Amino acid sequence: MSIKSNRVKNGYSLLDDSERKEVLDFILDFEKSNTEKRKSLTESLKNIYLGPTSKDICPCCGKS
């Protein structure tokens, strides 16, 4: 398994039930989307996920 896959699995395992449902809904929407919509979904994630913004450790990848 790749490092990226392991990060996703780790992050997913830390979610509660409602958060896991939200992620699964996103994955299903992403998988059935065309290339243009996938670009849009990916860009929106890049805009909201900035990683740790303080001295905190990222819960997904462990980086500070």
PDB file of N, CA and C in Angstrom:
ATOM      1  N   MET A   1       0.855  -1.179   0.000  1.00  0.00           N
ATOM      2  CA  MET A   1       0.000   0.000   0.000  1.00  0.00           C
ATOM      3  C   MET A   1       0.894   1.231   0.000  1.00  0.00           C
ATOM      4  N   SER A   2       0.491   2.254  -0.698  1.00  0.00           N
ATOM      5  CA  SER A   2       1.293   3.469  -0.772  1.00  0.00           C
ATOM      6  C   SER A   2       1.143   4.309   0.499  1.00  0.00           C
ATOM      7  N   ILE A   3       2.063   5.233   0.675  1.00  0.00           N
ATOM      8  CA  ILE A   3       2.012   6.131   1.836  1.00  0.00           C
ATOM      9  C   ILE A   3       0.731   6.956   1.801  1.00  0.00           C
ATOM     10  N   LYS A   4       0.352   7.430   0.615  1.00  0.00           N
ATOM     11  CA  LYS A   4      -0.878   8.231   0.495  1.00  0.00           C
ATOM     12  C   LYS A   4      -2.098   7.419   0.910  1.00  0.00           C
ATOM     13  N   SER A   5      -2.159   6.160   0.463  1.00  0.00           N
ATOM     14  CA  SER A   5      -3.293   5.303   0.826  1.00  0.00           C
ATOM     15  C   SER A   5      -3.344   5.081   2.328  1.00  0.00           C
ATOM     16  N   ASN A   6      -2.196   4.868   2.923  1.00  0.00           N
ATOM     17  CA  ASN A   6      -2.153   4.659   4.370  1.00  0.00           C
ATOM     18  C   ASN A   6      -2.592   5.900   5.131  1.00  0.00           C
ATOM     19  N   ARG A   7      -2.244   7.082   4.633  1.00  0.00           N
ATOM     20  CA  ARG A   7      -2.684   8.324   5.272  1.00  0.00           C
ATOM     21  C   ARG A   7      -4.199   8.446   5.220  1.00  0.00           C
ATOM     22  N   VAL A   8      -4.768   8.118   4.066  1.00  0.00           N
ATOM     23  CA  VAL A   8      -6.225   8.199   3.915  1.00  0.00           C
ATOM     24  C   VAL A   8      -6.906   7.198   4.848  1.00  0.00           C
ATOM     25  N   LYS A   9      -6.391   5.972   4.883  1.00  0.00           N
ATOM     26  CA  LYS A   9      -6.985   4.954   5.761  1.00  0.00           C
ATOM     27  C   LYS A   9      -6.883   5.365   7.221  1.00  0.00           C
ATOM     28  N   ASN A  10      -5.756   5.934   7.618  1.00  0.00           N
ATOM     29  CA  ASN A  10      -5.592   6.384   8.991  1.00  0.00           C
ATOM     30  C   ASN A  10      -6.582   7.490   9.310  1.00  0.00           C
ATOM     31  N   GLY A  11      -6.668   8.491   8.442  1.00  0.00           N
ATOM     32  CA  GLY A  11      -7.612   9.583   8.659  1.00  0.00           C
ATOM     33  C   GLY A  11      -9.050   9.090   8.714  1.00  0.00           C
ATOM     34  N   TYR A  12      -9.401   8.191   7.811  1.00  0.00           N
ATOM     35  CA  TYR A  12     -10.757   7.636   7.762  1.00  0.00           C
ATOM     36  C   TYR A  12     -11.086   6.887   9.059  1.00  0.00           C
ATOM     37  N   SER A  13     -10.117   6.148   9.563  1.00  0.00           N
ATOM     38  CA  SER A  13     -10.360   5.355  10.773  1.00  0.00           C
ATOM     39  C   SER A  13     -10.592   6.234  11.997  1.00  0.00           C
ATOM     40  N   LEU A  14     -10.148   7.481  11.950  1.00  0.00           N
ATOM     41  CA  LEU A  14     -10.317   8.393  13.081  1.00  0.00           C
ATOM     42  C   LEU A  14     -11.650   9.145  13.054  1.00  0.00           C
ATOM     43  N   LEU A  15     -12.409   9.004  11.963  1.00  0.00           N
ATOM     44  CA  LEU A  15     -13.678   9.714  11.815  1.00  0.00           C
ATOM     45  C   LEU A  15     -14.797   9.034  12.589  1.00  0.00           C
ATOM     46  N   ASP A  16     -15.796   9.835  12.980  1.00  0.00           N
ATOM     47  CA  ASP A  16     -16.988   9.230  13.573  1.00  0.00           C
ATOM     48  C   ASP A  16     -17.940   8.815  12.445  1.00  0.00           C
ATOM     49  N   ASP A  17     -19.044   8.210  12.792  1.00  0.00           N
ATOM     50  CA  ASP A  17     -19.967   7.653  11.792  1.00  0.00           C
ATOM     51  C   ASP A  17     -20.453   8.694  10.781  1.00  0.00           C
ATOM     52  N   SER A  18     -20.853   9.868  11.254  1.00  0.00           N
ATOM     53  CA  SER A  18     -21.388  10.882  10.334  1.00  0.00           C
ATOM     54  C   SER A  18     -20.290  11.413   9.412  1.00  0.00           C
ATOM     55  N   GLU A  19     -19.075  11.540   9.926  1.00  0.00           N
ATOM     56  CA  GLU A  19     -17.969  12.001   9.087  1.00  0.00           C
ATOM     57  C   GLU A  19     -17.607  10.955   8.033  1.00  0.00           C
ATOM     58  N   ARG A  20     -17.637   9.685   8.413  1.00  0.00           N
ATOM     59  CA  ARG A  20     -17.359   8.622   7.434  1.00  0.00           C
ATOM     60  C   ARG A  20     -18.406   8.619   6.337  1.00  0.00           C
ATOM     61  N   LYS A  21     -19.669   8.846   6.695  1.00  0.00           N
ATOM     62  CA  LYS A  21     -20.723   8.905   5.679  1.00  0.00           C
ATOM     63  C   LYS A  21     -20.471  10.059   4.718  1.00  0.00           C
ATOM     64  N   GLU A  22     -20.060  11.211   5.254  1.00  0.00           N
ATOM     65  CA  GLU A  22     -19.767  12.370   4.414  1.00  0.00           C
ATOM     66  C   GLU A  22     -18.642  12.052   3.427  1.00  0.00           C
ATOM     67  N   VAL A  23     -17.606  11.361   3.896  1.00  0.00           N
ATOM     68  CA  VAL A  23     -16.484  10.992   3.027  1.00  0.00           C
ATOM     69  C   VAL A  23     -16.939   9.996   1.963  1.00  0.00           C
ATOM     70  N   LEU A  24     -17.715   9.005   2.356  1.00  0.00           N
ATOM     71  CA  LEU A  24     -18.201   8.017   1.388  1.00  0.00           C
ATOM     72  C   LEU A  24     -19.077   8.664   0.329  1.00  0.00           C
ATOM     73  N   ASP A  25     -19.918   9.595   0.748  1.00  0.00           N
ATOM     74  CA  ASP A  25     -20.757  10.319  -0.225  1.00  0.00           C
ATOM     75  C   ASP A  25     -19.895  11.086  -1.216  1.00  0.00           C
ATOM     76  N   PHE A  26     -18.831  11.727  -0.713  1.00  0.00           N
ATOM     77  CA  PHE A  26     -17.921  12.449  -1.592  1.00  0.00           C
ATOM     78  C   PHE A  26     -17.258  11.494  -2.581  1.00  0.00           C
ATOM     79  N   ILE A  27     -16.784  10.354  -2.089  1.00  0.00           N
ATOM     80  CA  ILE A  27     -16.102   9.388  -2.958  1.00  0.00           C
ATOM     81  C   ILE A  27     -17.045   8.890  -4.046  1.00  0.00           C
ATOM     82  N   LEU A  28     -18.269   8.560  -3.686  1.00  0.00           N
ATOM     83  CA  LEU A  28     -19.232   8.082  -4.679  1.00  0.00           C
ATOM     84  C   LEU A  28     -19.518   9.155  -5.723  1.00  0.00           C
ATOM     85  N   ASP A  29     -19.700  10.402  -5.272  1.00  0.00           N
ATOM     86  CA  ASP A  29     -19.934  11.511  -6.198  1.00  0.00           C
ATOM     87  C   ASP A  29     -18.720  11.707  -7.103  1.00  0.00           C
ATOM     88  N   PHE A  30     -17.530  11.655  -6.530  1.00  0.00           N
ATOM     89  CA  PHE A  30     -16.298  11.831  -7.292  1.00  0.00           C
ATOM     90  C   PHE A  30     -16.153  10.748  -8.353  1.00  0.00           C
ATOM     91  N   GLU A  31     -16.391   9.501  -7.988  1.00  0.00           N
ATOM     92  CA  GLU A  31     -16.210   8.376  -8.904  1.00  0.00           C
ATOM     93  C   GLU A  31     -17.182   8.387 -10.079  1.00  0.00           C
ATOM     94  N   LYS A  32     -18.374   8.920  -9.865  1.00  0.00           N
ATOM     95  CA  LYS A  32     -19.335   8.934 -10.973  1.00  0.00           C
ATOM     96  C   LYS A  32     -19.291  10.230 -11.777  1.00  0.00           C
ATOM     97  N   SER A  33     -18.408  11.149 -11.394  1.00  0.00           N
ATOM     98  CA  SER A  33     -18.300  12.442 -12.069  1.00  0.00           C
ATOM     99  C   SER A  33     -17.416  12.366 -13.301  1.00  0.00           C
ATOM    100  N   ASN A  34     -17.639  13.332 -14.197  1.00  0.00           N
ATOM    101  CA  ASN A  34     -16.766  13.461 -15.363  1.00  0.00           C
ATOM    102  C   ASN A  34     -15.496  14.217 -14.956  1.00  0.00           C
ATOM    103  N   THR A  35     -14.564  14.309 -15.871  1.00  0.00           N
ATOM    104  CA  THR A  35     -13.264  14.913 -15.585  1.00  0.00           C
ATOM    105  C   THR A  35     -13.391  16.353 -15.106  1.00  0.00           C
ATOM    106  N   GLU A  36     -14.268  17.117 -15.723  1.00  0.00           N
ATOM    107  CA  GLU A  36     -14.419  18.531 -15.359  1.00  0.00           C
ATOM    108  C   GLU A  36     -14.943  18.677 -13.929  1.00  0.00           C
ATOM    109  N   LYS A  37     -15.933  17.867 -13.575  1.00  0.00           N
ATOM    110  CA  LYS A  37     -16.481  17.940 -12.213  1.00  0.00           C
ATOM    111  C   LYS A  37     -15.439  17.466 -11.205  1.00  0.00           C
ATOM    112  N   ARG A  38     -14.642  16.463 -11.558  1.00  0.00           N
ATOM    113  CA  ARG A  38     -13.590  15.990 -10.655  1.00  0.00           C
ATOM    114  C   ARG A  38     -12.586  17.104 -10.375  1.00  0.00           C
ATOM    115  N   LYS A  39     -12.251  17.869 -11.419  1.00  0.00           N
ATOM    116  CA  LYS A  39     -11.339  19.003 -11.240  1.00  0.00           C
ATOM    117  C   LYS A  39     -11.916  19.988 -10.236  1.00  0.00           C
ATOM    118  N   SER A  40     -13.193  20.273 -10.387  1.00  0.00           N
ATOM    119  CA  SER A  40     -13.868  21.209  -9.500  1.00  0.00           C
ATOM    120  C   SER A  40     -13.868  20.703  -8.061  1.00  0.00           C
ATOM    121  N   LEU A  41     -14.173  19.434  -7.884  1.00  0.00           N
ATOM    122  CA  LEU A  41     -14.173  18.847  -6.538  1.00  0.00           C
ATOM    123  C   LEU A  41     -12.787  18.886  -5.917  1.00  0.00           C
ATOM    124  N   THR A  42     -11.778  18.566  -6.700  1.00  0.00           N
ATOM    125  CA  THR A  42     -10.402  18.561  -6.218  1.00  0.00           C
ATOM    126  C   THR A  42      -9.948  19.970  -5.850  1.00  0.00           C
ATOM    127  N   GLU A  43     -10.279  20.944  -6.683  1.00  0.00           N
ATOM    128  CA  GLU A  43      -9.904  22.327  -6.401  1.00  0.00           C
ATOM    129  C   GLU A  43     -10.572  22.830  -5.126  1.00  0.00           C
ATOM    130  N   SER A  44     -11.835  22.469  -4.919  1.00  0.00           N
ATOM    131  CA  SER A  44     -12.524  22.933  -3.713  1.00  0.00           C
ATOM    132  C   SER A  44     -11.871  22.338  -2.468  1.00  0.00           C
ATOM    133  N   LEU A  45     -11.381  21.107  -2.555  1.00  0.00           N
ATOM    134  CA  LEU A  45     -10.676  20.514  -1.421  1.00  0.00           C
ATOM    135  C   LEU A  45      -9.353  21.221  -1.167  1.00  0.00           C
ATOM    136  N   LYS A  46      -8.638  21.560  -2.221  1.00  0.00           N
ATOM    137  CA  LYS A  46      -7.363  22.251  -2.060  1.00  0.00           C
ATOM    138  C   LYS A  46      -7.564  23.598  -1.371  1.00  0.00           C
ATOM    139  N   ASN A  47      -8.683  24.248  -1.657  1.00  0.00           N
ATOM    140  CA  ASN A  47      -8.942  25.561  -1.073  1.00  0.00           C
ATOM    141  C   ASN A  47      -9.318  25.493   0.401  1.00  0.00           C
ATOM    142  N   ILE A  48      -9.893  24.386   0.842  1.00  0.00           N
ATOM    143  CA  ILE A  48     -10.292  24.307   2.245  1.00  0.00           C
ATOM    144  C   ILE A  48      -9.303  23.534   3.099  1.00  0.00           C
ATOM    145  N   TYR A  49      -8.445  22.689   2.509  1.00  0.00           N
ATOM    146  CA  TYR A  49      -7.493  21.928   3.287  1.00  0.00           C
ATOM    147  C   TYR A  49      -6.108  22.539   3.159  1.00  0.00           C
ATOM    148  N   LEU A  50      -5.701  23.205   4.203  1.00  0.00           N
ATOM    149  CA  LEU A  50      -4.409  23.869   4.183  1.00  0.00           C
ATOM    150  C   LEU A  50      -3.379  23.138   5.034  1.00  0.00           C
ATOM    151  N   GLY A  51      -3.775  22.055   5.680  1.00  0.00           N
ATOM    152  CA  GLY A  51      -2.866  21.374   6.594  1.00  0.00           C
ATOM    153  C   GLY A  51      -2.825  22.131   7.906  1.00  0.00           C
ATOM    154  N   PRO A  52      -1.916  21.750   8.775  1.00  0.00           N
ATOM    155  CA  PRO A  52      -1.830  22.422  10.075  1.00  0.00           C
ATOM    156  C   PRO A  52      -1.452  23.895   9.896  1.00  0.00           C
ATOM    157  N   THR A  53      -2.165  24.772  10.570  1.00  0.00           N
ATOM    158  CA  THR A  53      -1.896  26.196  10.435  1.00  0.00           C
ATOM    159  C   THR A  53      -1.238  26.763  11.681  1.00  0.00           C
ATOM    160  N   SER A  54      -0.921  25.907  12.629  1.00  0.00           N
ATOM    161  CA  SER A  54      -0.222  26.352  13.824  1.00  0.00           C
ATOM    162  C   SER A  54       0.846  25.305  14.139  1.00  0.00           C
ATOM    163  N   LYS A  55       1.213  25.206  15.377  1.00  0.00           N
ATOM    164  CA  LYS A  55       2.224  24.220  15.755  1.00  0.00           C
ATOM    165  C   LYS A  55       1.592  22.860  16.040  1.00  0.00           C
ATOM    166  N   ASP A  56       0.308  22.712  15.762  1.00  0.00           N
ATOM    167  CA  ASP A  56      -0.377  21.446  15.961  1.00  0.00           C
ATOM    168  C   ASP A  56       0.115  20.414  14.954  1.00  0.00           C
ATOM    169  N   ILE A  57      -0.095  19.165  15.301  1.00  0.00           N
ATOM    170  CA  ILE A  57       0.280  18.066  14.414  1.00  0.00           C
ATOM    171  C   ILE A  57      -0.946  17.665  13.593  1.00  0.00           C
ATOM    172  N   CYS A  58      -0.758  17.481  12.292  1.00  0.00           N
ATOM    173  CA  CYS A  58      -1.843  17.067  11.413  1.00  0.00           C
ATOM    174  C   CYS A  58      -2.308  15.677  11.812  1.00  0.00           C
ATOM    175  N   PRO A  59      -3.606  15.483  12.076  1.00  0.00           N
ATOM    176  CA  PRO A  59      -4.103  14.166  12.481  1.00  0.00           C
ATOM    177  C   PRO A  59      -4.050  13.122  11.368  1.00  0.00           C
ATOM    178  N   CYS A  60      -3.996  13.567  10.126  1.00  0.00           N
ATOM    179  CA  CYS A  60      -3.969  12.618   9.018  1.00  0.00           C
ATOM    180  C   CYS A  60      -2.573  12.103   8.710  1.00  0.00           C
ATOM    181  N   CYS A  61      -1.610  13.014   8.643  1.00  0.00           N
ATOM    182  CA  CYS A  61      -0.282  12.588   8.215  1.00  0.00           C
ATOM    183  C   CYS A  61       0.759  12.643   9.321  1.00  0.00           C
ATOM    184  N   GLY A  62       0.427  13.269  10.444  1.00  0.00           N
ATOM    185  CA  GLY A  62       1.363  13.340  11.556  1.00  0.00           C
ATOM    186  C   GLY A  62       2.410  14.424  11.437  1.00  0.00           C
ATOM    187  N   LYS A  63       2.344  15.223  10.382  1.00  0.00           N
ATOM    188  CA  LYS A  63       3.337  16.281  10.191  1.00  0.00           C
ATOM    189  C   LYS A  63       2.950  17.515  11.000  1.00  0.00           C
ATOM    190  N   SER A  64       3.941  18.272  11.365  1.00  0.00           N
ATOM    191  CA  SER A  64       3.660  19.518  12.096  1.00  0.00           C
ATOM    192  C   SER A  64       4.068  20.708  11.261  1.00  0.00           C
TER     193      SER A  64
END
